[in-house]
Amino acid sequence: MTQSKLIVFTKENLLKATSLRSGEIKFGERILLIQEADNWESELIKHDSKYVVLGIPEDIGVKANFGRPGTSSAWSKFVPALLNIQHNRFNKGYWLTMLGNLDFSDELKEAALLDANNTNERKRLFELVKLIDKEVSHTIAKIVKAGKIPIIIGGGHNNAYGNIKGTALAKGKAINAINFDAHTDFRPLEGRHSGNGFSYAFEEGFLKNYFIFGLHENYTSKAVFSDIKLHADQVKYNTYEQINIRKEKTFTNELLVAKKHIDNSFYGIEIDLDAIPQIASSAITPSGFSVERARQFVHFFGESNNVAYLHLCEGAPSLDYPTNDHLVGKLMAYLVSDFIKANSL
């Protein structure tokens, strides 16, 4: 296989991103690092940590889906936000190994010159996403085989495919997924992009049961609803409007309904930040579940022994106000800490 695109997070990276303060202990002072990049898999197995943080700074899948690029900027804002969390009785830095990030800088340079509105150039974007898929699934499989739970920081939602495939390969069977999202990302198999990661994983047998939580009725096509109906036993959903607008369903009860659908086997938690109002993302929304609801969702689904990974995606700090471009990273750090606290109990 070609040389891995993994850039292992170093002590130098750590010191640069951690703001030390007298009388305090930050995550950056306790989080675990890989010492030998060439030997990271066997070293990871020996780590006492339960979780492994991996960054996927890319927005090629978003561009291939006619979205606004910017998700490649989330990883760099997330890192200092995570490392400067307080290490205390609620949060333990050594619960995590900071593995590093996948480097798609060459692919990003090529993608920047491509126009998604040009049929041939869009096909090339699809090919680049497939290259990313291969690298993501390969890396996730190694992390899961090492007995760890990956925490993946995107990037576009196209990476759900690699997360699901890599986990399924490591577990030796198809897995389930719960997706907190305004969109299904269960779109037609027209070539890989951020809108069809779940449909490709489902078609190829890596995804078994799938639940979309809080779907926005205004942005889901009739064709997608028809596709879901064809697989009603395996693919289920509720809508944001059912819960928060028409009050036909309650948030609390729907958590239980979704849990029943996916908690019979290993599952991944997918959080698309474009489901939360005013969060800088490729498909920013003015309406949706609050940050508190997102945090409660992560806590609720993070408690199960069947959780196989957490994926936070579609955040795009570069699309935020320059003075507040740290907020997406800070939100992701909150969600990660909520997850590890729930899962470590």
Protein backbone atom coordinates (compact mmCIF):
# COMPACT_ATOMS: atom_id res chain seq x y z
CA MET A 1 0.00 0.00 0.00
CA THR A 2 1.10 3.58 -0.54
CA GLN A 3 2.65 5.43 2.37
CA SER A 4 0.14 6.37 5.07
CA LYS A 5 -1.17 9.91 5.08
CA LEU A 6 -1.26 9.97 8.87
CA ILE A 7 0.64 12.83 10.49
CA VAL A 8 1.23 11.82 14.09
CA PHE A 9 0.64 14.57 16.67
CA THR A 10 3.95 15.51 18.34
CA LYS A 11 5.12 16.96 21.64
CA GLU A 12 5.99 20.15 19.74
CA ASN A 13 2.41 20.40 18.43
CA LEU A 14 1.18 19.84 21.96
CA LEU A 15 3.31 22.56 23.56
CA LYS A 16 2.39 25.04 20.85
CA ALA A 17 -1.37 24.50 21.33
CA THR A 18 -1.54 24.23 25.15
CA SER A 19 -1.69 27.41 27.24
CA LEU A 20 -0.07 26.51 30.55
CA ARG A 21 -1.27 28.35 33.64
CA SER A 22 -0.02 28.15 37.21
CA GLY A 23 -2.35 26.25 39.54
CA GLU A 24 -4.20 24.53 36.68
CA ILE A 25 -3.76 21.24 34.82
CA LYS A 26 -4.86 21.25 31.20
CA PHE A 27 -5.74 18.27 28.99
CA GLY A 28 -2.58 18.99 27.03
CA GLU A 29 -0.53 18.14 30.12
CA ARG A 30 -2.15 14.71 30.56
CA ILE A 31 -3.27 13.54 27.12
CA LEU A 32 -1.31 10.62 25.65
CA LEU A 33 0.83 10.88 22.51
CA ILE A 34 2.38 8.39 20.11
CA GLN A 35 6.16 8.36 20.53
CA GLU A 36 7.13 6.38 17.42
CA ALA A 37 5.18 7.39 14.32
CA ASP A 38 6.27 4.33 12.33
CA ASN A 39 5.08 2.02 15.07
CA TRP A 40 1.85 3.77 16.08
CA GLU A 41 -0.46 0.76 15.82
CA SER A 42 1.42 -1.50 18.23
CA GLU A 43 2.13 1.46 20.54
CA LEU A 44 -1.55 2.37 20.61
CA ILE A 45 -2.52 -1.12 21.78
CA LYS A 46 -0.33 -0.59 24.88
CA HIS A 47 -1.87 2.78 25.76
CA ASP A 48 -4.22 2.89 28.77
CA SER A 49 -6.47 5.37 26.94
CA LYS A 50 -9.92 4.30 25.76
CA TYR A 51 -10.32 6.96 23.05
CA VAL A 52 -8.23 8.01 20.07
CA VAL A 53 -8.58 11.44 18.47
CA LEU A 54 -8.15 11.62 14.69
CA GLY A 55 -8.52 14.70 12.50
CA ILE A 56 -9.64 14.68 8.86
CA PRO A 57 -9.09 18.25 7.63
CA GLU A 58 -10.70 18.19 4.17
CA ASP A 59 -13.69 19.65 2.35
CA ILE A 60 -13.48 17.83 -0.99
CA GLY A 61 -16.62 15.79 -0.31
CA VAL A 62 -18.47 19.01 0.48
CA LYS A 63 -17.29 20.62 -2.75
CA ALA A 64 -18.30 17.53 -4.76
CA ASN A 65 -21.78 17.96 -3.22
CA PHE A 66 -22.02 21.61 -4.35
CA GLY A 67 -21.48 22.79 -0.76
CA ARG A 68 -19.38 25.68 0.52
CA PRO A 69 -15.80 24.61 1.33
CA GLY A 70 -14.44 25.38 4.79
CA THR A 71 -14.71 22.15 6.77
CA SER A 72 -10.96 21.60 6.29
CA SER A 73 -10.42 24.38 8.88
CA ALA A 74 -12.15 22.65 11.82
CA TRP A 75 -9.27 20.45 12.98
CA SER A 76 -6.84 23.33 13.58
CA LYS A 77 -9.42 25.14 15.73
CA PHE A 78 -10.48 22.01 17.61
CA VAL A 79 -6.97 21.03 18.75
CA PRO A 80 -6.27 24.01 21.08
CA ALA A 81 -9.89 23.95 22.31
CA LEU A 82 -9.52 20.32 23.40
CA LEU A 83 -6.02 20.65 24.84
CA ASN A 84 -7.01 23.60 27.03
CA ILE A 85 -9.92 21.84 28.75
CA GLN A 86 -9.26 21.47 32.48
CA HIS A 87 -8.04 18.06 33.66
CA ASN A 88 -10.11 17.51 36.83
CA ARG A 89 -12.38 14.99 38.59
CA PHE A 90 -14.92 15.22 35.73
CA ASN A 91 -12.46 15.14 32.82
CA LYS A 92 -9.29 13.11 32.57
CA GLY A 93 -6.81 13.93 29.84
CA TYR A 94 -5.24 10.46 29.96
CA TRP A 95 -8.55 8.95 28.81
CA LEU A 96 -7.47 10.09 25.33
CA THR A 97 -4.63 9.46 22.90
CA MET A 98 -4.08 12.32 20.46
CA LEU A 99 -3.15 10.35 17.35
CA GLY A 100 -2.96 13.14 14.79
CA ASN A 101 -4.55 13.88 11.43
CA LEU A 102 -4.74 12.54 7.90
CA ASP A 103 -2.96 14.80 5.43
CA PHE A 104 -4.92 15.47 2.25
CA SER A 105 -3.11 18.69 1.34
CA ASP A 106 -2.20 17.42 -2.15
CA GLU A 107 -5.79 16.39 -2.85
CA LEU A 108 -7.05 19.73 -1.51
CA LYS A 109 -4.74 21.63 -3.86
CA GLU A 110 -6.04 19.65 -6.82
CA ALA A 111 -9.67 20.05 -5.70
CA ALA A 112 -9.27 23.81 -5.39
CA LEU A 113 -8.71 23.97 -9.17
CA LEU A 114 -11.79 21.86 -9.99
CA ASP A 115 -15.30 23.13 -10.69
CA ALA A 116 -18.13 20.91 -9.38
CA ASN A 117 -20.45 22.38 -12.02
CA ASN A 118 -18.28 20.85 -14.76
CA THR A 119 -19.32 17.20 -15.23
CA ASN A 120 -15.81 15.85 -15.86
CA GLU A 121 -14.26 17.88 -13.07
CA ARG A 122 -16.96 16.73 -10.66
CA LYS A 123 -16.11 13.13 -11.57
CA ARG A 124 -12.52 13.86 -10.54
CA LEU A 125 -13.81 15.23 -7.22
CA PHE A 126 -15.68 11.93 -6.74
CA GLU A 127 -12.41 10.07 -7.36
CA LEU A 128 -10.57 12.21 -4.81
CA VAL A 129 -13.29 11.44 -2.23
CA LYS A 130 -12.80 7.72 -2.92
CA LEU A 131 -9.09 8.14 -2.17
CA ILE A 132 -10.03 9.80 1.11
CA ASP A 133 -12.52 6.97 1.84
CA LYS A 134 -9.76 4.40 1.45
CA GLU A 135 -7.41 6.21 3.83
CA VAL A 136 -10.09 6.91 6.44
CA SER A 137 -11.46 3.34 6.51
CA HIS A 138 -7.93 1.92 6.70
CA THR A 139 -6.95 4.15 9.64
CA ILE A 140 -10.24 3.71 11.53
CA ALA A 141 -9.97 -0.09 11.18
CA LYS A 142 -6.51 0.00 12.76
CA ILE A 143 -7.70 2.15 15.69
CA VAL A 144 -10.70 -0.12 16.36
CA LYS A 145 -8.54 -3.25 16.07
CA ALA A 146 -6.29 -1.74 18.73
CA GLY A 147 -9.30 -1.91 21.07
CA LYS A 148 -9.95 1.84 21.08
CA ILE A 149 -12.93 4.09 20.31
CA PRO A 150 -12.10 6.64 17.59
CA ILE A 151 -13.20 10.26 18.01
CA ILE A 152 -13.11 11.67 14.50
CA ILE A 153 -13.01 15.39 13.79
CA GLY A 154 -14.02 16.27 10.21
CA GLY A 155 -14.06 17.31 7.50
CA GLY A 156 -17.18 16.72 5.53
CA HIS A 157 -19.90 14.17 6.22
CA ASN A 158 -18.53 12.06 3.37
CA ASN A 159 -16.22 10.59 6.03
CA ALA A 160 -19.14 8.75 7.65
CA TYR A 161 -18.53 6.12 4.96
CA GLY A 162 -14.92 5.51 5.98
CA ASN A 163 -15.83 5.50 9.68
CA ILE A 164 -18.56 2.90 9.15
CA LYS A 165 -16.55 0.73 6.77
CA GLY A 166 -13.38 0.81 8.89
CA THR A 167 -15.29 -0.05 12.07
CA ALA A 168 -17.28 -2.82 10.35
CA LEU A 169 -14.10 -4.38 8.95
CA ALA A 170 -12.43 -4.29 12.37
CA LYS A 171 -15.50 -5.74 14.11
CA GLY A 172 -16.03 -8.34 11.40
CA LYS A 173 -19.68 -7.41 10.82
CA ALA A 174 -21.96 -4.57 9.70
CA ILE A 175 -22.56 -1.85 12.30
CA ASN A 176 -25.40 0.59 13.03
CA ALA A 177 -25.35 4.40 13.02
CA ILE A 178 -27.28 7.26 14.62
CA ASN A 179 -27.05 10.58 12.77
CA PHE A 180 -27.96 13.93 14.40
CA ASP A 181 -28.50 15.83 11.17
CA ALA A 182 -30.73 18.15 9.17
CA HIS A 183 -30.11 15.91 6.13
CA THR A 184 -30.17 12.15 5.51
CA ASP A 185 -26.90 11.92 3.54
CA PHE A 186 -28.66 8.90 2.04
CA ARG A 187 -28.69 10.33 -1.45
CA PRO A 188 -28.25 8.43 -4.76
CA LEU A 189 -25.07 6.50 -5.58
CA GLU A 190 -23.95 8.98 -8.25
CA GLY A 191 -20.30 9.15 -7.17
CA ARG A 192 -18.87 9.81 -3.72
CA HIS A 193 -19.57 13.10 -1.95
CA SER A 194 -20.74 14.41 1.43
CA GLY A 195 -24.41 13.67 0.71
CA ASN A 196 -24.23 9.90 0.25
CA GLY A 197 -21.82 8.42 2.78
CA PHE A 198 -24.57 6.43 4.49
CA SER A 199 -26.24 5.21 1.28
CA TYR A 200 -22.91 3.88 -0.03
CA ALA A 201 -22.11 2.20 3.32
CA PHE A 202 -25.61 0.69 3.35
CA GLU A 203 -25.43 -0.50 -0.26
CA GLU A 204 -22.05 -2.15 0.33
CA GLY A 205 -23.21 -3.97 3.45
CA PHE A 206 -21.16 -2.10 6.09
CA LEU A 207 -24.16 -0.25 7.57
CA LYS A 208 -27.07 -2.29 8.94
CA ASN A 209 -29.51 -0.15 10.97
CA TYR A 210 -29.53 3.61 10.44
CA PHE A 211 -31.46 6.33 12.30
CA ILE A 212 -31.58 10.00 11.23
CA PHE A 213 -32.52 12.22 14.17
CA GLY A 214 -34.11 15.62 13.57
CA LEU A 215 -34.33 15.60 9.79
CA HIS A 216 -35.46 18.93 8.29
CA GLU A 217 -38.57 18.40 6.16
CA ASN A 218 -37.76 21.38 3.92
CA TYR A 219 -34.44 19.93 2.76
CA THR A 220 -35.24 16.27 2.14
CA SER A 221 -36.39 15.34 -1.36
CA LYS A 222 -39.36 13.16 -2.24
CA ALA A 223 -36.95 10.71 -3.87
CA VAL A 224 -34.90 10.32 -0.67
CA PHE A 225 -38.07 9.75 1.39
CA SER A 226 -39.06 7.06 -1.16
CA ASP A 227 -35.65 5.37 -0.85
CA ILE A 228 -35.95 5.34 2.94
CA LYS A 229 -39.43 3.84 2.69
CA LEU A 230 -38.01 0.94 0.63
CA HIS A 231 -35.74 0.08 3.56
CA ALA A 232 -38.14 0.99 6.39
CA ASP A 233 -37.02 -1.93 8.58
CA GLN A 234 -33.41 -0.75 8.60
CA VAL A 235 -33.58 3.00 7.96
CA LYS A 236 -35.71 5.07 10.32
CA TYR A 237 -35.98 8.77 11.11
CA ASN A 238 -37.85 11.53 12.87
CA THR A 239 -38.05 15.17 11.84
CA TYR A 240 -37.15 18.37 13.64
CA GLU A 241 -40.62 19.70 12.88
CA GLN A 242 -42.35 16.68 14.47
CA ILE A 243 -40.43 17.27 17.69
CA ASN A 244 -39.91 21.01 18.05
CA ILE A 245 -42.52 22.68 15.84
CA ARG A 246 -45.68 20.57 15.75
CA LYS A 247 -44.88 18.82 19.07
CA GLU A 248 -46.17 15.48 17.75
CA LYS A 249 -43.22 13.74 19.36
CA THR A 250 -40.96 14.55 22.31
CA PHE A 251 -37.18 14.80 22.25
CA THR A 252 -36.82 12.48 25.26
CA ASN A 253 -39.07 9.75 23.90
CA GLU A 254 -37.48 9.93 20.45
CA LEU A 255 -34.07 9.29 22.03
CA LEU A 256 -35.50 6.02 23.34
CA VAL A 257 -37.10 5.13 19.97
CA ALA A 258 -33.79 5.70 18.17
CA LYS A 259 -31.83 3.80 20.82
CA LYS A 260 -34.08 0.77 20.38
CA HIS A 261 -33.29 0.77 16.64
CA ILE A 262 -29.50 0.92 16.92
CA ASP A 263 -28.43 -0.29 20.38
CA ASN A 264 -28.72 -4.00 19.51
CA SER A 265 -25.18 -4.00 18.08
CA PHE A 266 -22.11 -1.78 17.72
CA TYR A 267 -22.96 1.70 16.46
CA GLY A 268 -21.36 4.98 15.47
CA ILE A 269 -22.55 8.41 16.62
CA GLU A 270 -22.58 10.97 13.83
CA ILE A 271 -23.03 14.67 14.66
CA ASP A 272 -23.45 17.11 11.77
CA LEU A 273 -22.91 20.61 13.12
CA ASP A 274 -25.17 22.07 10.42
CA ALA A 275 -28.11 20.76 12.48
CA ILE A 276 -27.37 23.40 15.16
CA PRO A 277 -28.50 27.00 14.46
CA GLN A 278 -25.90 29.62 13.51
CA ILE A 279 -22.94 27.24 13.73
CA ALA A 280 -20.53 28.01 10.90
CA SER A 281 -20.84 25.12 8.45
CA SER A 282 -21.18 24.47 4.72
CA ALA A 283 -24.99 24.38 5.09
CA ILE A 284 -25.50 26.77 8.02
CA THR A 285 -29.05 26.79 9.39
CA PRO A 286 -31.09 29.48 11.18
CA SER A 287 -33.36 26.80 12.74
CA GLY A 288 -32.60 23.56 14.54
CA PHE A 289 -31.87 21.87 17.85
CA SER A 290 -29.90 23.89 20.39
CA VAL A 291 -26.32 23.24 21.49
CA GLU A 292 -27.73 21.92 24.78
CA ARG A 293 -29.87 19.39 22.89
CA ALA A 294 -26.84 18.29 20.86
CA ARG A 295 -24.85 17.83 24.07
CA GLN A 296 -27.69 15.85 25.69
CA PHE A 297 -27.88 13.70 22.55
CA VAL A 298 -24.15 12.90 22.67
CA HIS A 299 -24.37 12.12 26.39
CA PHE A 300 -27.40 9.84 25.92
CA PHE A 301 -25.95 7.80 23.07
CA GLY A 302 -22.44 7.91 24.53
CA GLU A 303 -23.49 5.89 27.59
CA SER A 304 -23.91 2.57 25.77
CA ASN A 305 -21.31 -0.19 25.73
CA ASN A 306 -22.11 -0.61 22.02
CA VAL A 307 -20.68 2.77 20.99
CA ALA A 308 -17.95 2.19 18.40
CA TYR A 309 -17.00 5.77 17.46
CA LEU A 310 -17.95 9.47 17.59
CA HIS A 311 -17.76 11.64 14.46
CA LEU A 312 -18.16 15.44 14.54
CA CYS A 313 -18.33 16.93 11.07
CA GLU A 314 -19.28 19.81 8.77
CA GLY A 315 -18.02 22.52 11.12
CA ALA A 316 -16.36 25.31 9.11
CA PRO A 317 -14.63 27.91 11.31
CA SER A 318 -13.25 29.69 8.23
CA LEU A 319 -16.85 30.66 7.36
CA ASP A 320 -17.38 32.24 10.80
CA TYR A 321 -16.75 35.84 11.83
CA PRO A 322 -12.93 36.18 12.06
CA THR A 323 -13.15 37.37 15.69
CA ASN A 324 -15.19 34.29 16.66
CA ASP A 325 -13.60 31.58 14.51
CA HIS A 326 -12.62 29.64 17.65
CA LEU A 327 -16.24 28.89 18.59
CA VAL A 328 -16.72 25.83 16.35
CA GLY A 329 -13.60 24.26 17.86
CA LYS A 330 -14.84 25.04 21.36
CA LEU A 331 -18.26 23.49 20.61
CA MET A 332 -16.57 20.33 19.33
CA ALA A 333 -14.45 20.15 22.49
CA TYR A 334 -17.63 20.35 24.61
CA LEU A 335 -19.19 17.50 22.62
CA VAL A 336 -16.06 15.36 22.92
CA SER A 337 -15.86 15.88 26.69
CA ASP A 338 -19.60 15.10 27.04
CA PHE A 339 -19.02 11.88 25.11
CA ILE A 340 -16.03 10.62 27.07
CA LYS A 341 -17.66 11.49 30.39
CA ALA A 342 -20.81 9.56 29.46
CA ASN A 343 -18.90 6.59 28.08
CA SER A 344 -16.38 6.36 30.92
CA LEU A 345 -18.95 6.09 33.71
